[in-house]
Amino acid sequence: MTSGSSKFRILGDYIRSRRNRLQPEQAGISDSYNQRRTPGLRREEVAMLAGVSATYYTWLEQGREVTASREIIENIGRALQLTPDERKHLMELWNPHDTEPVPSINTVLNPQWQDIISQLAYPAFISNERSEILAWNKAAADIIFNFDSLPASERVLLRLMFTDPSLQQRMENWEEFVRHSVAVFRTYYDKQQGDPFYKEFVDRLCADSPEFKRIWELHDVELKKVNRVHIRKPAADAYDVYDINSVASIADHPDLHICVYTPVLNARTT
């Protein structure tokens, strides 16, 4: 499969997932669920709302290499009632000028960045877009996870959140937190189709974790933002609340992120 056809297939899969999510009454369409085999809008209904032919819209969903203008894609985004993050993702998938290869993912870190985060009092780590943990400080090992206990190949935070029972139990808002994490990972997955890591990772985690498979199949996307997590310390009854601030673009490596867990004052809860 060529990179072009792969890109069209990803675009088709994405708009189909958003169509299946949108209910008729949300789009102002009066209909009975008894008349529908599956929930969600029909293709011809999205086509009507977007002002395109049903055949044309069907071709887009099927991943055919058809020409689509910015106006058409924006109309489809409005018809599907996409969020701002979802619209941005749609436009990135469509972008006809995006012919440059996606840079490879960094898996090796300059030692000086380890020295920098080691000086931070708050939990902090450096990860790439695969969610591989490349460096961490003592506070992160004490409060988030003892990454030293794992070989480098297993230090993948997204996987740990679904497969490590102790981490799940200590995350009081686990469902909310992982749904955002998976939605962010989906944006990287869609743009890194040339990297075999992503498909292998998702296939393996879907097999190992029914919870991940359930959330992955929602096909949600979100941009990385300040996120809040509630973490119970080992052998403690209360949990602490942290805002996770992510600083992207380390030097010339835009795929690397410094994540700092900043305590939310007066937010400790039993």
Protein backbone atom coordinates (compact mmCIF):
# COMPACT_ATOMS: atom_id res chain seq x y z
CA MET A 1 0.00 0.00 0.00
CA THR A 2 1.43 3.41 -0.96
CA SER A 3 1.67 6.23 1.56
CA GLY A 4 -0.97 8.12 -0.42
CA SER A 5 -3.53 5.33 -0.34
CA SER A 6 -2.78 4.70 3.33
CA LYS A 7 -3.50 8.35 4.10
CA PHE A 8 -6.85 8.22 2.29
CA ARG A 9 -7.76 5.02 4.15
CA ILE A 10 -6.99 6.64 7.50
CA LEU A 11 -9.12 9.66 6.55
CA GLY A 12 -11.97 7.36 5.54
CA ASP A 13 -11.78 5.35 8.76
CA TYR A 14 -11.79 8.54 10.78
CA ILE A 15 -14.85 10.20 9.26
CA ARG A 16 -16.72 6.88 9.38
CA SER A 17 -16.05 6.60 13.11
CA ARG A 18 -17.37 10.14 13.66
CA ARG A 19 -20.49 9.40 11.55
CA ASN A 20 -21.24 6.28 13.58
CA ARG A 21 -21.01 8.32 16.78
CA LEU A 22 -23.43 11.09 15.72
CA GLN A 23 -27.09 10.34 16.41
CA PRO A 24 -29.89 11.54 14.06
CA GLU A 25 -31.51 13.83 16.63
CA GLN A 26 -28.15 15.53 17.25
CA ALA A 27 -28.03 16.43 13.57
CA GLY A 28 -31.68 17.59 13.50
CA ILE A 29 -32.88 14.50 11.62
CA SER A 30 -36.18 13.00 12.76
CA ASP A 31 -36.10 9.24 12.51
CA SER A 32 -36.85 6.15 14.51
CA TYR A 33 -34.09 3.88 15.77
CA ASN A 34 -36.35 0.98 14.83
CA GLN A 35 -35.76 1.89 11.20
CA ARG A 36 -31.97 1.75 11.56
CA ARG A 37 -29.83 -1.35 11.71
CA THR A 38 -27.04 0.48 13.55
CA PRO A 39 -26.83 3.74 15.53
CA GLY A 40 -25.38 6.83 13.91
CA LEU A 41 -26.07 8.77 10.74
CA ARG A 42 -26.32 7.19 7.32
CA ARG A 43 -23.77 8.14 4.69
CA GLU A 44 -26.36 9.90 2.57
CA GLU A 45 -27.41 12.00 5.56
CA VAL A 46 -23.87 13.23 6.15
CA ALA A 47 -23.55 13.91 2.42
CA MET A 48 -26.76 15.97 2.47
CA LEU A 49 -25.61 17.98 5.50
CA ALA A 50 -22.19 18.59 3.90
CA GLY A 51 -23.59 19.51 0.49
CA VAL A 52 -21.90 16.70 -1.47
CA SER A 53 -23.22 13.69 -3.33
CA ALA A 54 -23.75 10.44 -1.46
CA THR A 55 -21.48 8.65 -3.94
CA TYR A 56 -18.67 11.14 -3.40
CA TYR A 57 -18.92 10.92 0.39
CA THR A 58 -19.02 7.11 0.20
CA TRP A 59 -15.81 7.13 -1.83
CA LEU A 60 -14.15 9.26 0.85
CA GLU A 61 -15.16 6.81 3.58
CA GLN A 62 -13.94 3.92 1.48
CA GLY A 63 -10.48 5.50 1.30
CA ARG A 64 -10.52 6.08 -2.43
CA GLU A 65 -8.00 8.59 -3.75
CA VAL A 66 -10.47 11.32 -4.65
CA THR A 67 -9.76 15.03 -4.75
CA ALA A 68 -11.36 16.99 -1.94
CA SER A 69 -11.13 20.75 -1.48
CA ARG A 70 -10.65 22.43 1.87
CA GLU A 71 -14.23 23.70 1.67
CA ILE A 72 -15.60 20.16 1.25
CA ILE A 73 -13.56 18.79 4.16
CA GLU A 74 -14.58 21.70 6.38
CA ASN A 75 -18.24 21.13 5.45
CA ILE A 76 -17.92 17.45 6.35
CA GLY A 77 -16.33 18.43 9.67
CA ARG A 78 -19.26 20.72 10.45
CA ALA A 79 -21.78 18.08 9.38
CA LEU A 80 -20.14 15.58 11.75
CA GLN A 81 -20.11 18.20 14.55
CA LEU A 82 -16.41 17.70 15.25
CA THR A 83 -14.76 19.29 18.25
CA PRO A 84 -11.91 21.78 17.63
CA ASP A 85 -9.34 19.04 18.28
CA GLU A 86 -11.17 16.66 15.93
CA ARG A 87 -11.39 19.30 13.19
CA LYS A 88 -7.65 19.98 13.45
CA HIS A 89 -6.96 16.25 13.17
CA LEU A 90 -9.26 15.99 10.15
CA MET A 91 -7.47 18.84 8.38
CA GLU A 92 -4.07 17.28 9.10
CA LEU A 93 -5.24 13.97 7.62
CA TRP A 94 -6.57 15.74 4.53
CA ASN A 95 -3.68 18.22 3.98
CA PRO A 96 -2.81 17.82 0.26
CA HIS A 97 0.50 19.65 0.74
CA ASP A 98 1.77 17.28 3.42
CA THR A 99 4.23 15.36 1.27
CA GLU A 100 7.22 15.52 3.63
CA PRO A 101 8.05 12.24 5.42
CA VAL A 102 7.25 12.23 9.13
CA PRO A 103 10.47 12.44 11.19
CA SER A 104 11.53 9.27 12.95
CA ILE A 105 10.79 8.87 16.64
CA ASN A 106 13.63 9.52 19.07
CA THR A 107 14.47 6.64 21.38
CA VAL A 108 17.81 7.95 22.66
CA LEU A 109 18.15 11.02 24.85
CA ASN A 110 21.03 13.41 25.37
CA PRO A 111 22.27 12.80 28.97
CA GLN A 112 22.07 16.50 29.78
CA TRP A 113 18.27 16.30 29.81
CA GLN A 114 18.43 13.62 32.49
CA ASP A 115 20.55 16.01 34.55
CA ILE A 116 17.94 18.76 34.09
CA ILE A 117 14.90 16.78 35.24
CA SER A 118 16.88 15.21 38.09
CA GLN A 119 17.06 18.67 39.65
CA LEU A 120 13.26 19.04 39.73
CA ALA A 121 11.50 18.45 43.04
CA TYR A 122 8.24 17.42 41.37
CA PRO A 123 7.74 14.12 39.51
CA ALA A 124 9.00 14.52 35.95
CA PHE A 125 9.89 12.33 33.00
CA ILE A 126 10.74 12.64 29.32
CA SER A 127 8.82 10.58 26.79
CA ASN A 128 8.38 10.40 23.03
CA GLU A 129 5.17 10.13 21.01
CA ARG A 130 5.17 6.35 21.49
CA SER A 131 4.84 7.06 25.25
CA GLU A 132 8.24 5.40 25.79
CA ILE A 133 9.85 6.73 28.97
CA LEU A 134 13.39 7.84 28.17
CA ALA A 135 14.33 9.58 31.44
CA TRP A 136 12.78 10.23 34.84
CA ASN A 137 13.65 11.68 38.21
CA LYS A 138 13.47 10.16 41.69
CA ALA A 139 10.11 11.75 42.48
CA ALA A 140 8.60 10.12 39.36
CA ALA A 141 9.96 6.73 40.42
CA ASP A 142 8.55 7.17 43.94
CA ILE A 143 5.11 8.51 43.02
CA ILE A 144 4.28 7.38 39.47
CA PHE A 145 6.16 4.16 38.75
CA ASN A 146 9.52 2.56 39.46
CA PHE A 147 10.73 2.60 35.87
CA ASP A 148 14.09 1.18 36.97
CA SER A 149 12.33 -2.13 37.61
CA LEU A 150 11.66 -2.62 33.90
CA PRO A 151 13.89 -3.14 30.86
CA ALA A 152 13.91 -0.20 28.45
CA SER A 153 11.63 -1.99 25.96
CA GLU A 154 8.86 -2.25 28.59
CA ARG A 155 8.97 1.36 29.78
CA VAL A 156 5.93 2.39 27.73
CA LEU A 157 3.60 4.39 29.93
CA LEU A 158 0.42 3.85 27.92
CA ARG A 159 0.87 0.10 28.13
CA LEU A 160 1.63 0.23 31.86
CA MET A 161 -1.57 2.16 32.51
CA PHE A 162 -3.58 -0.78 31.14
CA THR A 163 -1.49 -3.76 32.24
CA ASP A 164 -0.06 -2.87 35.64
CA PRO A 165 -2.73 -3.47 38.33
CA SER A 166 -0.93 -1.43 40.99
CA LEU A 167 -0.81 1.66 38.75
CA GLN A 168 -4.50 1.30 37.89
CA GLN A 169 -5.43 1.01 41.55
CA ARG A 170 -3.46 4.10 42.52
CA MET A 171 -5.00 6.26 39.76
CA GLU A 172 -8.29 7.40 41.29
CA ASN A 173 -9.48 8.95 38.00
CA TRP A 174 -8.07 6.14 35.85
CA GLU A 175 -10.90 5.98 33.27
CA GLU A 176 -10.87 9.72 32.58
CA PHE A 177 -7.08 9.84 32.45
CA VAL A 178 -6.56 6.90 30.11
CA ARG A 179 -9.30 8.00 27.72
CA HIS A 180 -7.44 11.27 27.19
CA SER A 181 -4.11 9.46 26.90
CA VAL A 182 -5.45 7.05 24.27
CA ALA A 183 -7.05 9.91 22.32
CA VAL A 184 -3.71 11.76 22.21
CA PHE A 185 -1.89 8.58 21.19
CA ARG A 186 -4.40 8.12 18.33
CA THR A 187 -3.27 11.42 16.77
CA TYR A 188 0.32 10.12 16.72
CA TYR A 189 -0.79 6.71 15.45
CA ASP A 190 -2.61 8.23 12.47
CA LYS A 191 0.34 10.34 11.35
CA GLN A 192 2.99 7.63 11.89
CA GLN A 193 1.59 4.94 9.59
CA GLY A 194 5.07 4.24 8.23
CA ASP A 195 6.32 3.20 11.67
CA PRO A 196 5.54 -0.50 12.34
CA PHE A 197 5.80 0.11 16.09
CA TYR A 198 2.33 1.65 16.25
CA LYS A 199 0.32 -1.15 14.68
CA GLU A 200 2.25 -3.83 16.55
CA PHE A 201 1.81 -1.95 19.81
CA VAL A 202 -1.95 -1.45 19.35
CA ASP A 203 -2.56 -5.04 18.21
CA ARG A 204 -0.66 -6.41 21.20
CA LEU A 205 -2.34 -4.14 23.73
CA CYS A 206 -5.81 -4.84 22.29
CA ALA A 207 -5.10 -8.54 22.82
CA ASP A 208 -3.80 -8.01 26.36
CA SER A 209 -6.32 -5.46 27.60
CA PRO A 210 -10.07 -5.48 26.85
CA GLU A 211 -10.27 -2.01 28.44
CA PHE A 212 -7.77 -0.60 25.96
CA LYS A 213 -9.55 -2.29 23.05
CA ARG A 214 -12.86 -0.77 24.15
CA ILE A 215 -11.43 2.75 24.36
CA TRP A 216 -9.34 2.39 21.19
CA GLU A 217 -12.39 1.42 19.15
CA LEU A 218 -14.07 4.72 20.10
CA HIS A 219 -11.57 6.34 17.69
CA ASP A 220 -11.45 9.52 19.79
CA VAL A 221 -8.70 12.07 19.19
CA GLU A 222 -7.52 14.92 21.42
CA LEU A 223 -4.56 17.23 21.42
CA LYS A 224 -2.12 17.10 24.32
CA LYS A 225 -3.14 19.55 27.03
CA VAL A 226 -2.70 20.16 30.75
CA ASN A 227 -4.25 17.06 32.28
CA ARG A 228 -5.12 16.26 35.87
CA VAL A 229 -4.40 12.98 37.61
CA HIS A 230 -5.24 11.73 41.12
CA ILE A 231 -2.54 9.39 42.45
CA ARG A 232 -2.65 7.46 45.69
CA LYS A 233 0.77 7.03 47.24
CA PRO A 234 1.82 3.49 48.16
CA ALA A 235 0.48 2.47 51.59
CA ALA A 236 -1.46 5.74 51.93
CA ASP A 237 -5.18 6.33 52.41
CA ALA A 238 -5.29 9.72 50.71
CA TYR A 239 -4.37 10.62 47.16
CA ASP A 240 -2.62 13.68 45.76
CA VAL A 241 -3.83 15.69 42.78
CA TYR A 242 -1.38 16.75 40.07
CA ASP A 243 -1.63 18.86 36.95
CA ILE A 244 0.52 17.35 34.20
CA ASN A 245 2.25 20.04 32.20
CA SER A 246 3.88 18.86 28.99
CA VAL A 247 6.64 20.89 27.35
CA ALA A 248 7.20 19.83 23.75
CA SER A 249 10.05 20.44 21.32
CA ILE A 250 13.19 19.56 23.21
CA ALA A 251 15.95 21.18 21.17
CA ASP A 252 15.42 19.86 17.61
CA HIS A 253 13.21 16.95 18.68
CA PRO A 254 9.52 17.95 18.50
CA ASP A 255 8.42 14.40 19.33
CA LEU A 256 9.96 14.56 22.81
CA HIS A 257 8.04 15.90 25.79
CA ILE A 258 9.05 16.83 29.33
CA CYS A 259 6.10 15.97 31.57
CA VAL A 260 6.06 17.61 34.99
CA TYR A 261 3.51 16.59 37.64
CA THR A 262 2.76 19.81 39.55
CA PRO A 263 0.86 19.33 42.83
CA VAL A 264 -2.52 21.08 43.04
CA LEU A 265 -2.42 22.85 46.38
CA ASN A 266 -5.12 21.96 48.94
CA ALA A 267 -6.44 19.22 46.68
CA ARG A 268 -5.39 16.14 48.67
CA THR A 269 -8.43 13.93 49.14
CA THR A 270 -9.18 10.84 51.17
